[in-house]
PDB file of all heavy atoms in Angstrom:
ATOM      1  N   LEU A   1      20.187 -17.920  18.609  1.00  0.00           N
ATOM      2  CA  LEU A   1      19.629 -16.899  17.746  1.00  0.00           C
ATOM      3  C   LEU A   1      18.889 -17.494  16.530  1.00  0.00           C
ATOM      4  O   LEU A   1      19.642 -18.218  15.808  1.00  0.00           O
ATOM      5  CB  LEU A   1      20.562 -15.762  17.316  1.00  0.00           C
ATOM      6  CG  LEU A   1      20.709 -14.516  18.222  1.00  0.00           C
ATOM      7  CD1 LEU A   1      21.802 -13.664  17.700  1.00  0.00           C
ATOM      8  CD2 LEU A   1      19.429 -13.792  18.067  1.00  0.00           C
ATOM      9  N   ASP A   2      17.651 -17.237  16.330  1.00  0.00           N
ATOM     10  CA  ASP A   2      16.938 -17.742  15.186  1.00  0.00           C
ATOM     11  C   ASP A   2      16.559 -16.589  14.208  1.00  0.00           C
ATOM     12  O   ASP A   2      15.974 -16.813  13.162  1.00  0.00           O
ATOM     13  CB  ASP A   2      15.761 -18.607  15.455  1.00  0.00           C
ATOM     14  CG  ASP A   2      14.742 -17.915  16.422  1.00  0.00           C
ATOM     15  OD1 ASP A   2      14.078 -17.000  16.080  1.00  0.00           O
ATOM     16  OD2 ASP A   2      14.960 -18.173  17.600  1.00  0.00           O
ATOM     17  N   ASP A   3      16.869 -15.445  14.622  1.00  0.00           N
ATOM     18  CA  ASP A   3      16.535 -14.185  13.724  1.00  0.00           C
ATOM     19  C   ASP A   3      17.758 -13.788  12.825  1.00  0.00           C
ATOM     20  O   ASP A   3      18.812 -13.562  13.292  1.00  0.00           O
ATOM     21  CB  ASP A   3      16.188 -13.028  14.534  1.00  0.00           C
ATOM     22  CG  ASP A   3      15.903 -11.730  13.849  1.00  0.00           C
ATOM     23  OD1 ASP A   3      14.769 -11.594  13.433  1.00  0.00           O
ATOM     24  OD2 ASP A   3      16.795 -10.943  13.574  1.00  0.00           O
ATOM     25  N   LEU A   4      17.558 -13.915  11.486  1.00  0.00           N
ATOM     26  CA  LEU A   4      18.666 -13.726  10.561  1.00  0.00           C
ATOM     27  C   LEU A   4      19.320 -12.413  10.747  1.00  0.00           C
ATOM     28  O   LEU A   4      20.513 -12.239  10.779  1.00  0.00           O
ATOM     29  CB  LEU A   4      18.183 -13.830   9.152  1.00  0.00           C
ATOM     30  CG  LEU A   4      19.082 -13.598   8.038  1.00  0.00           C
ATOM     31  CD1 LEU A   4      20.285 -14.477   8.184  1.00  0.00           C
ATOM     32  CD2 LEU A   4      18.390 -13.790   6.648  1.00  0.00           C
ATOM     33  N   ALA A   5      18.498 -11.310  10.788  1.00  0.00           N
ATOM     34  CA  ALA A   5      19.179  -9.957  10.705  1.00  0.00           C
ATOM     35  C   ALA A   5      19.948  -9.682  11.967  1.00  0.00           C
ATOM     36  O   ALA A   5      21.104  -9.087  11.999  1.00  0.00           O
ATOM     37  CB  ALA A   5      18.021  -8.916  10.679  1.00  0.00           C
ATOM     38  N   LEU A   6      19.367 -10.184  13.224  1.00  0.00           N
ATOM     39  CA  LEU A   6      20.147 -10.065  14.443  1.00  0.00           C
ATOM     40  C   LEU A   6      21.459 -10.900  14.431  1.00  0.00           C
ATOM     41  O   LEU A   6      22.468 -10.385  14.902  1.00  0.00           O
ATOM     42  CB  LEU A   6      19.298 -10.377  15.607  1.00  0.00           C
ATOM     43  CG  LEU A   6      19.903 -10.103  17.016  1.00  0.00           C
ATOM     44  CD1 LEU A   6      20.335  -8.713  17.188  1.00  0.00           C
ATOM     45  CD2 LEU A   6      18.832 -10.472  18.101  1.00  0.00           C
ATOM     46  N   LEU A   7      21.411 -11.972  13.845  1.00  0.00           N
ATOM     47  CA  LEU A   7      22.591 -12.851  13.719  1.00  0.00           C
ATOM     48  C   LEU A   7      23.608 -12.291  12.945  1.00  0.00           C
ATOM     49  O   LEU A   7      24.877 -12.257  13.347  1.00  0.00           O
ATOM     50  CB  LEU A   7      22.230 -14.300  13.340  1.00  0.00           C
ATOM     51  CG  LEU A   7      23.344 -15.368  13.280  1.00  0.00           C
ATOM     52  CD1 LEU A   7      23.942 -15.473  14.650  1.00  0.00           C
ATOM     53  CD2 LEU A   7      22.826 -16.714  12.802  1.00  0.00           C
ATOM     54  N   GLU A   8      23.244 -11.737  11.899  1.00  0.00           N
ATOM     55  CA  GLU A   8      24.222 -11.000  10.946  1.00  0.00           C
ATOM     56  C   GLU A   8      24.848  -9.852  11.669  1.00  0.00           C
ATOM     57  O   GLU A   8      25.984  -9.661  11.546  1.00  0.00           O
ATOM     58  CB  GLU A   8      23.486 -10.491   9.755  1.00  0.00           C
ATOM     59  CG  GLU A   8      23.164 -11.607   8.769  1.00  0.00           C
ATOM     60  CD  GLU A   8      22.358 -11.072   7.562  1.00  0.00           C
ATOM     61  OE1 GLU A   8      21.482 -10.099   7.743  1.00  0.00           O
ATOM     62  OE2 GLU A   8      22.568 -11.614   6.469  1.00  0.00           O
ATOM     63  N   GLN A   9      24.015  -9.093  12.480  1.00  0.00           N
ATOM     64  CA  GLN A   9      24.573  -7.991  13.311  1.00  0.00           C
ATOM     65  C   GLN A   9      25.566  -8.514  14.376  1.00  0.00           C
ATOM     66  O   GLN A   9      26.572  -7.859  14.587  1.00  0.00           O
ATOM     67  CB  GLN A   9      23.427  -7.210  13.904  1.00  0.00           C
ATOM     68  CG  GLN A   9      23.861  -6.003  14.781  1.00  0.00           C
ATOM     69  CD  GLN A   9      24.625  -5.006  13.789  1.00  0.00           C
ATOM     70  OE1 GLN A   9      24.071  -4.605  12.753  1.00  0.00           O
ATOM     71  NE2 GLN A   9      25.858  -4.645  14.141  1.00  0.00           N
ATOM     72  N   ARG A  10      25.285  -9.577  14.963  1.00  0.00           N
ATOM     73  CA  ARG A  10      26.079 -10.152  16.039  1.00  0.00           C
ATOM     74  C   ARG A  10      27.447 -10.616  15.473  1.00  0.00           C
ATOM     75  O   ARG A  10      28.576 -10.368  16.080  1.00  0.00           O
ATOM     76  CB  ARG A  10      25.489 -11.321  16.662  1.00  0.00           C
ATOM     77  CG  ARG A  10      24.228 -10.984  17.643  1.00  0.00           C
ATOM     78  CD  ARG A  10      24.918 -10.503  18.933  1.00  0.00           C
ATOM     79  NE  ARG A  10      23.811 -10.248  19.927  1.00  0.00           N
ATOM     80  CZ  ARG A  10      23.273 -11.088  20.734  1.00  0.00           C
ATOM     81  NH1 ARG A  10      23.662 -12.414  20.632  1.00  0.00           N
ATOM     82  NH2 ARG A  10      22.337 -10.838  21.507  1.00  0.00           N
ATOM     83  N   ILE A  11      27.422 -11.222  14.238  1.00  0.00           N
ATOM     84  CA  ILE A  11      28.672 -11.641  13.603  1.00  0.00           C
ATOM     85  C   ILE A  11      29.583 -10.377  13.302  1.00  0.00           C
ATOM     86  O   ILE A  11      30.796 -10.412  13.497  1.00  0.00           O
ATOM     87  CB  ILE A  11      28.392 -12.431  12.361  1.00  0.00           C
ATOM     88  CG1 ILE A  11      27.766 -13.780  12.692  1.00  0.00           C
ATOM     89  CG2 ILE A  11      29.532 -12.468  11.438  1.00  0.00           C
ATOM     90  CD1 ILE A  11      27.190 -14.608  11.543  1.00  0.00           C
ATOM     91  N   ALA A  12      28.870  -9.324  12.921  1.00  0.00           N
ATOM     92  CA  ALA A  12      29.601  -8.097  12.571  1.00  0.00           C
ATOM     93  C   ALA A  12      30.209  -7.426  13.896  1.00  0.00           C
ATOM     94  O   ALA A  12      31.288  -7.029  13.917  1.00  0.00           O
ATOM     95  CB  ALA A  12      28.739  -7.025  11.845  1.00  0.00           C
ATOM     96  N   ASP A  13      29.409  -7.461  14.922  1.00  0.00           N
ATOM     97  CA  ASP A  13      29.817  -6.883  16.234  1.00  0.00           C
ATOM     98  C   ASP A  13      31.044  -7.651  16.830  1.00  0.00           C
ATOM     99  O   ASP A  13      31.893  -6.941  17.445  1.00  0.00           O
ATOM    100  CB  ASP A  13      28.650  -6.929  17.209  1.00  0.00           C
ATOM    101  CG  ASP A  13      27.471  -6.010  16.853  1.00  0.00           C
ATOM    102  OD1 ASP A  13      27.672  -5.086  16.057  1.00  0.00           O
ATOM    103  OD2 ASP A  13      26.325  -6.178  17.445  1.00  0.00           O
ATOM    104  N   HIS A  14      31.069  -8.959  16.470  1.00  0.00           N
ATOM    105  CA  HIS A  14      32.161  -9.679  17.052  1.00  0.00           C
ATOM    106  C   HIS A  14      33.327  -9.702  16.061  1.00  0.00           C
ATOM    107  O   HIS A  14      34.365 -10.472  16.301  1.00  0.00           O
ATOM    108  CB  HIS A  14      31.741 -11.102  17.351  1.00  0.00           C
ATOM    109  CG  HIS A  14      30.981 -11.331  18.736  1.00  0.00           C
ATOM    110  ND1 HIS A  14      29.573 -10.830  18.697  1.00  0.00           N
ATOM    111  CD2 HIS A  14      31.298 -11.811  19.747  1.00  0.00           C
ATOM    112  CE1 HIS A  14      29.228 -11.074  19.963  1.00  0.00           C
ATOM    113  NE2 HIS A  14      30.124 -11.662  20.721  1.00  0.00           N
ATOM    114  N   HIS A  15      33.246  -8.960  14.987  1.00  0.00           N
ATOM    115  CA  HIS A  15      34.338  -8.927  14.024  1.00  0.00           C
ATOM    116  C   HIS A  15      34.800 -10.214  13.357  1.00  0.00           C
ATOM    117  O   HIS A  15      35.953 -10.577  13.294  1.00  0.00           O
ATOM    118  CB  HIS A  15      35.653  -8.191  14.690  1.00  0.00           C
ATOM    119  CG  HIS A  15      35.323  -6.817  15.261  1.00  0.00           C
ATOM    120  ND1 HIS A  15      34.988  -5.670  14.615  1.00  0.00           N
ATOM    121  CD2 HIS A  15      35.273  -6.546  16.704  1.00  0.00           C
ATOM    122  CE1 HIS A  15      34.657  -4.752  15.497  1.00  0.00           C
ATOM    123  NE2 HIS A  15      34.972  -5.214  16.727  1.00  0.00           N
ATOM    124  N   LEU A  16      33.784 -10.969  13.103  1.00  0.00           N
ATOM    125  CA  LEU A  16      33.830 -12.325  12.528  1.00  0.00           C
ATOM    126  C   LEU A  16      33.819 -12.196  10.945  1.00  0.00           C
ATOM    127  O   LEU A  16      33.045 -11.412  10.531  1.00  0.00           O
ATOM    128  CB  LEU A  16      32.889 -13.275  13.043  1.00  0.00           C
ATOM    129  CG  LEU A  16      32.990 -13.605  14.517  1.00  0.00           C
ATOM    130  CD1 LEU A  16      31.936 -14.358  15.114  1.00  0.00           C
ATOM    131  CD2 LEU A  16      34.337 -14.248  14.947  1.00  0.00           C
ATOM    132  N   PRO A  17      34.521 -12.959  10.260  1.00  0.00           N
ATOM    133  CA  PRO A  17      34.425 -12.942   8.764  1.00  0.00           C
ATOM    134  C   PRO A  17      33.036 -13.412   8.311  1.00  0.00           C
ATOM    135  O   PRO A  17      32.908 -14.686   8.502  1.00  0.00           O
ATOM    136  CB  PRO A  17      35.554 -13.796   8.305  1.00  0.00           C
ATOM    137  CG  PRO A  17      35.833 -14.780   9.361  1.00  0.00           C
ATOM    138  CD  PRO A  17      35.570 -13.992  10.669  1.00  0.00           C
ATOM    139  N   PRO A  18      32.254 -12.683   7.713  1.00  0.00           N
ATOM    140  CA  PRO A  18      30.875 -13.149   7.420  1.00  0.00           C
ATOM    141  C   PRO A  18      30.912 -14.276   6.391  1.00  0.00           C
ATOM    142  O   PRO A  18      29.991 -15.060   6.452  1.00  0.00           O
ATOM    143  CB  PRO A  18      30.205 -11.848   6.763  1.00  0.00           C
ATOM    144  CG  PRO A  18      31.291 -10.849   6.318  1.00  0.00           C
ATOM    145  CD  PRO A  18      32.421 -11.149   7.477  1.00  0.00           C
ATOM    146  N   GLU A  19      31.843 -14.326   5.551  1.00  0.00           N
ATOM    147  CA  GLU A  19      31.860 -15.278   4.426  1.00  0.00           C
ATOM    148  C   GLU A  19      32.054 -16.683   5.121  1.00  0.00           C
ATOM    149  O   GLU A  19      31.562 -17.782   4.528  1.00  0.00           O
ATOM    150  CB  GLU A  19      32.964 -15.056   3.496  1.00  0.00           C
ATOM    151  CG  GLU A  19      34.400 -15.108   3.947  1.00  0.00           C
ATOM    152  CD  GLU A  19      34.767 -13.786   4.658  1.00  0.00           C
ATOM    153  OE1 GLU A  19      33.987 -12.884   4.790  1.00  0.00           O
ATOM    154  OE2 GLU A  19      35.992 -13.668   5.097  1.00  0.00           O
ATOM    155  N   ALA A  20      32.626 -16.760   6.257  1.00  0.00           N
ATOM    156  CA  ALA A  20      32.923 -18.069   6.938  1.00  0.00           C
ATOM    157  C   ALA A  20      31.488 -18.663   7.546  1.00  0.00           C
ATOM    158  O   ALA A  20      31.489 -19.775   7.833  1.00  0.00           O
ATOM    159  CB  ALA A  20      34.009 -18.064   7.979  1.00  0.00           C
ATOM    160  N   TYR A  21      30.605 -17.791   7.699  1.00  0.00           N
ATOM    161  CA  TYR A  21      29.403 -18.169   8.338  1.00  0.00           C
ATOM    162  C   TYR A  21      28.154 -18.152   7.293  1.00  0.00           C
ATOM    163  O   TYR A  21      27.016 -18.242   7.911  1.00  0.00           O
ATOM    164  CB  TYR A  21      29.094 -17.225   9.605  1.00  0.00           C
ATOM    165  CG  TYR A  21      30.179 -17.241  10.565  1.00  0.00           C
ATOM    166  CD1 TYR A  21      31.187 -16.408  10.594  1.00  0.00           C
ATOM    167  CD2 TYR A  21      30.045 -18.070  11.619  1.00  0.00           C
ATOM    168  CE1 TYR A  21      32.322 -16.609  11.539  1.00  0.00           C
ATOM    169  CE2 TYR A  21      31.047 -18.250  12.636  1.00  0.00           C
ATOM    170  CZ  TYR A  21      32.076 -17.469  12.560  1.00  0.00           C
ATOM    171  OH  TYR A  21      33.115 -17.650  13.443  1.00  0.00           O
ATOM    172  N   GLU A  22      28.432 -17.993   6.191  1.00  0.00           N
ATOM    173  CA  GLU A  22      27.290 -18.087   5.083  1.00  0.00           C
ATOM    174  C   GLU A  22      26.434 -19.299   5.221  1.00  0.00           C
ATOM    175  O   GLU A  22      25.201 -19.309   5.228  1.00  0.00           O
ATOM    176  CB  GLU A  22      27.722 -17.899   3.780  1.00  0.00           C
ATOM    177  CG  GLU A  22      28.056 -16.369   3.363  1.00  0.00           C
ATOM    178  CD  GLU A  22      26.722 -15.520   3.350  1.00  0.00           C
ATOM    179  OE1 GLU A  22      25.765 -16.064   2.827  1.00  0.00           O
ATOM    180  OE2 GLU A  22      26.779 -14.488   4.118  1.00  0.00           O
ATOM    181  N   TRP A  23      27.084 -20.507   5.395  1.00  0.00           N
ATOM    182  CA  TRP A  23      26.294 -21.726   5.556  1.00  0.00           C
ATOM    183  C   TRP A  23      25.519 -21.628   6.789  1.00  0.00           C
ATOM    184  O   TRP A  23      24.490 -22.222   6.843  1.00  0.00           O
ATOM    185  CB  TRP A  23      27.377 -22.839   5.558  1.00  0.00           C
ATOM    186  CG  TRP A  23      28.224 -22.905   6.867  1.00  0.00           C
ATOM    187  CD1 TRP A  23      29.464 -22.344   6.993  1.00  0.00           C
ATOM    188  CD2 TRP A  23      27.921 -23.584   7.945  1.00  0.00           C
ATOM    189  NE1 TRP A  23      29.847 -22.739   8.258  1.00  0.00           N
ATOM    190  CE2 TRP A  23      28.876 -23.440   8.947  1.00  0.00           C
ATOM    191  CE3 TRP A  23      26.695 -24.318   8.427  1.00  0.00           C
ATOM    192  CZ2 TRP A  23      28.956 -23.835  10.152  1.00  0.00           C
ATOM    193  CZ3 TRP A  23      26.824 -24.933   9.698  1.00  0.00           C
ATOM    194  CH2 TRP A  23      27.851 -24.738  10.604  1.00  0.00           C
ATOM    195  N   TYR A  24      26.108 -21.087   7.880  1.00  0.00           N
ATOM    196  CA  TYR A  24      25.450 -21.009   9.199  1.00  0.00           C
ATOM    197  C   TYR A  24      24.240 -20.123   9.000  1.00  0.00           C
ATOM    198  O   TYR A  24      23.114 -20.371   9.601  1.00  0.00           O
ATOM    199  CB  TYR A  24      26.384 -20.533  10.192  1.00  0.00           C
ATOM    200  CG  TYR A  24      25.762 -20.535  11.804  1.00  0.00           C
ATOM    201  CD1 TYR A  24      25.407 -21.727  12.287  1.00  0.00           C
ATOM    202  CD2 TYR A  24      25.744 -19.275  12.310  1.00  0.00           C
ATOM    203  CE1 TYR A  24      24.964 -21.660  13.622  1.00  0.00           C
ATOM    204  CE2 TYR A  24      25.220 -19.270  13.666  1.00  0.00           C
ATOM    205  CZ  TYR A  24      24.888 -20.521  14.324  1.00  0.00           C
ATOM    206  OH  TYR A  24      24.421 -20.502  15.590  1.00  0.00           O
ATOM    207  N   LEU A  25      24.268 -18.959   8.336  1.00  0.00           N
ATOM    208  CA  LEU A  25      23.218 -18.103   8.126  1.00  0.00           C
ATOM    209  C   LEU A  25      22.031 -18.715   7.378  1.00  0.00           C
ATOM    210  O   LEU A  25      20.903 -18.463   7.510  1.00  0.00           O
ATOM    211  CB  LEU A  25      23.603 -16.836   7.460  1.00  0.00           C
ATOM    212  CG  LEU A  25      24.629 -15.905   8.295  1.00  0.00           C
ATOM    213  CD1 LEU A  25      25.207 -14.764   7.439  1.00  0.00           C
ATOM    214  CD2 LEU A  25      23.865 -15.425   9.510  1.00  0.00           C
ATOM    215  N   ASP A  26      22.361 -19.721   6.492  1.00  0.00           N
ATOM    216  CA  ASP A  26      21.381 -20.416   5.661  1.00  0.00           C
ATOM    217  C   ASP A  26      20.311 -21.080   6.566  1.00  0.00           C
ATOM    218  O   ASP A  26      19.149 -21.291   6.232  1.00  0.00           O
ATOM    219  CB  ASP A  26      21.989 -21.446   4.796  1.00  0.00           C
ATOM    220  CG  ASP A  26      22.495 -20.959   3.463  1.00  0.00           C
ATOM    221  OD1 ASP A  26      22.140 -19.759   3.125  1.00  0.00           O
ATOM    222  OD2 ASP A  26      23.189 -21.685   2.785  1.00  0.00           O
ATOM    223  N   LEU A  27      20.851 -21.516   7.731  1.00  0.00           N
ATOM    224  CA  LEU A  27      19.901 -22.154   8.783  1.00  0.00           C
ATOM    225  C   LEU A  27      18.761 -21.183   9.129  1.00  0.00           C
ATOM    226  O   LEU A  27      17.772 -21.667   9.541  1.00  0.00           O
ATOM    227  CB  LEU A  27      20.620 -22.606   9.975  1.00  0.00           C
ATOM    228  CG  LEU A  27      21.880 -23.560   9.731  1.00  0.00           C
ATOM    229  CD1 LEU A  27      22.493 -23.994  11.039  1.00  0.00           C
ATOM    230  CD2 LEU A  27      21.424 -24.775   8.972  1.00  0.00           C
ATOM    231  N   ARG A  28      19.001 -19.914   9.051  1.00  0.00           N
ATOM    232  CA  ARG A  28      18.059 -18.903   9.439  1.00  0.00           C
ATOM    233  C   ARG A  28      17.296 -18.445   8.159  1.00  0.00           C
ATOM    234  O   ARG A  28      16.122 -17.920   8.181  1.00  0.00           O
ATOM    235  CB  ARG A  28      18.644 -17.659  10.077  1.00  0.00           C
ATOM    236  CG  ARG A  28      18.911 -17.862  11.516  1.00  0.00           C
ATOM    237  CD  ARG A  28      20.012 -18.725  11.837  1.00  0.00           C
ATOM    238  NE  ARG A  28      20.371 -18.944  13.200  1.00  0.00           N
ATOM    239  CZ  ARG A  28      21.152 -19.891  13.718  1.00  0.00           C
ATOM    240  NH1 ARG A  28      21.809 -20.690  12.858  1.00  0.00           N
ATOM    241  NH2 ARG A  28      21.397 -20.017  15.002  1.00  0.00           N
ATOM    242  N   ARG A  29      17.830 -18.662   7.019  1.00  0.00           N
ATOM    243  CA  ARG A  29      17.095 -18.277   5.793  1.00  0.00           C
ATOM    244  C   ARG A  29      16.051 -19.327   5.277  1.00  0.00           C
ATOM    245  O   ARG A  29      15.044 -19.100   4.671  1.00  0.00           O
ATOM    246  CB  ARG A  29      18.145 -18.113   4.625  1.00  0.00           C
ATOM    247  CG  ARG A  29      19.031 -16.992   4.773  1.00  0.00           C
ATOM    248  CD  ARG A  29      20.000 -16.919   3.634  1.00  0.00           C
ATOM    249  NE  ARG A  29      21.023 -15.724   3.785  1.00  0.00           N
ATOM    250  CZ  ARG A  29      22.253 -15.932   3.933  1.00  0.00           C
ATOM    251  NH1 ARG A  29      22.738 -17.107   3.877  1.00  0.00           N
ATOM    252  NH2 ARG A  29      23.089 -14.913   4.089  1.00  0.00           N
ATOM    253  N   PHE A  30      16.425 -20.629   5.650  1.00  0.00           N
ATOM    254  CA  PHE A  30      15.554 -21.733   5.181  1.00  0.00           C
ATOM    255  C   PHE A  30      14.956 -22.546   6.265  1.00  0.00           C
ATOM    256  O   PHE A  30      15.485 -23.453   6.695  1.00  0.00           O
ATOM    257  CB  PHE A  30      16.426 -22.547   4.127  1.00  0.00           C
ATOM    258  CG  PHE A  30      17.065 -21.917   3.026  1.00  0.00           C
ATOM    259  CD1 PHE A  30      18.426 -21.610   3.118  1.00  0.00           C
ATOM    260  CD2 PHE A  30      16.302 -21.208   2.133  1.00  0.00           C
ATOM    261  CE1 PHE A  30      19.115 -20.891   2.108  1.00  0.00           C
ATOM    262  CE2 PHE A  30      16.982 -20.516   1.118  1.00  0.00           C
ATOM    263  CZ  PHE A  30      18.262 -20.312   1.068  1.00  0.00           C
ATOM    264  N   GLY A  31      13.800 -22.189   6.776  1.00  0.00           N
ATOM    265  CA  GLY A  31      13.132 -22.930   7.773  1.00  0.00           C
ATOM    266  C   GLY A  31      13.670 -22.688   9.178  1.00  0.00           C
ATOM    267  O   GLY A  31      13.721 -23.609  10.026  1.00  0.00           O
ATOM    268  N   SER A  32      13.949 -21.483   9.509  1.00  0.00           N
ATOM    269  CA  SER A  32      14.399 -21.049  10.877  1.00  0.00           C
ATOM    270  C   SER A  32      13.374 -21.426  11.967  1.00  0.00           C
ATOM    271  O   SER A  32      12.175 -21.061  11.727  1.00  0.00           O
ATOM    272  CB  SER A  32      14.849 -19.540  10.998  1.00  0.00           C
ATOM    273  OG  SER A  32      15.457 -19.241  12.180  1.00  0.00           O
ATOM    274  N   VAL A  33      13.801 -22.036  13.039  1.00  0.00           N
ATOM    275  CA  VAL A  33      12.974 -22.283  14.140  1.00  0.00           C
ATOM    276  C   VAL A  33      13.692 -21.945  15.415  1.00  0.00           C
ATOM    277  O   VAL A  33      14.911 -22.026  15.469  1.00  0.00           O
ATOM    278  CB  VAL A  33      12.380 -23.666  14.145  1.00  0.00           C
ATOM    279  CG1 VAL A  33      11.595 -24.005  12.839  1.00  0.00           C
ATOM    280  CG2 VAL A  33      13.446 -24.673  14.410  1.00  0.00           C
ATOM    281  N   PRO A  34      12.912 -21.723  16.520  1.00  0.00           N
ATOM    282  CA  PRO A  34      13.590 -21.712  17.881  1.00  0.00           C
ATOM    283  C   PRO A  34      14.336 -23.016  18.126  1.00  0.00           C
ATOM    284  O   PRO A  34      13.770 -24.031  17.788  1.00  0.00           O
ATOM    285  CB  PRO A  34      12.554 -21.315  18.841  1.00  0.00           C
ATOM    286  CG  PRO A  34      11.380 -20.894  17.985  1.00  0.00           C
ATOM    287  CD  PRO A  34      11.537 -21.500  16.686  1.00  0.00           C
ATOM    288  N   HIS A  35      15.497 -22.911  18.670  1.00  0.00           N
ATOM    289  CA  HIS A  35      16.238 -24.226  19.030  1.00  0.00           C
ATOM    290  C   HIS A  35      17.135 -23.898  20.204  1.00  0.00           C
ATOM    291  O   HIS A  35      17.551 -22.702  20.410  1.00  0.00           O
ATOM    292  CB  HIS A  35      16.927 -24.771  17.938  1.00  0.00           C
ATOM    293  CG  HIS A  35      17.893 -23.990  17.148  1.00  0.00           C
ATOM    294  ND1 HIS A  35      17.535 -22.771  16.526  1.00  0.00           N
ATOM    295  CD2 HIS A  35      19.235 -24.030  17.128  1.00  0.00           C
ATOM    296  CE1 HIS A  35      18.620 -22.239  15.963  1.00  0.00           C
ATOM    297  NE2 HIS A  35      19.700 -22.974  16.293  1.00  0.00           N
TER     298      HIS A  35
END
């Protein structure tokens, strides 16, 4: 997933603690590309 909003939604859907993935979400905030 390279879409920030959808990734945030997926983290919530899987009941994962969002604070633990802030660094991972940065990859979508700063220069996100398909990968």
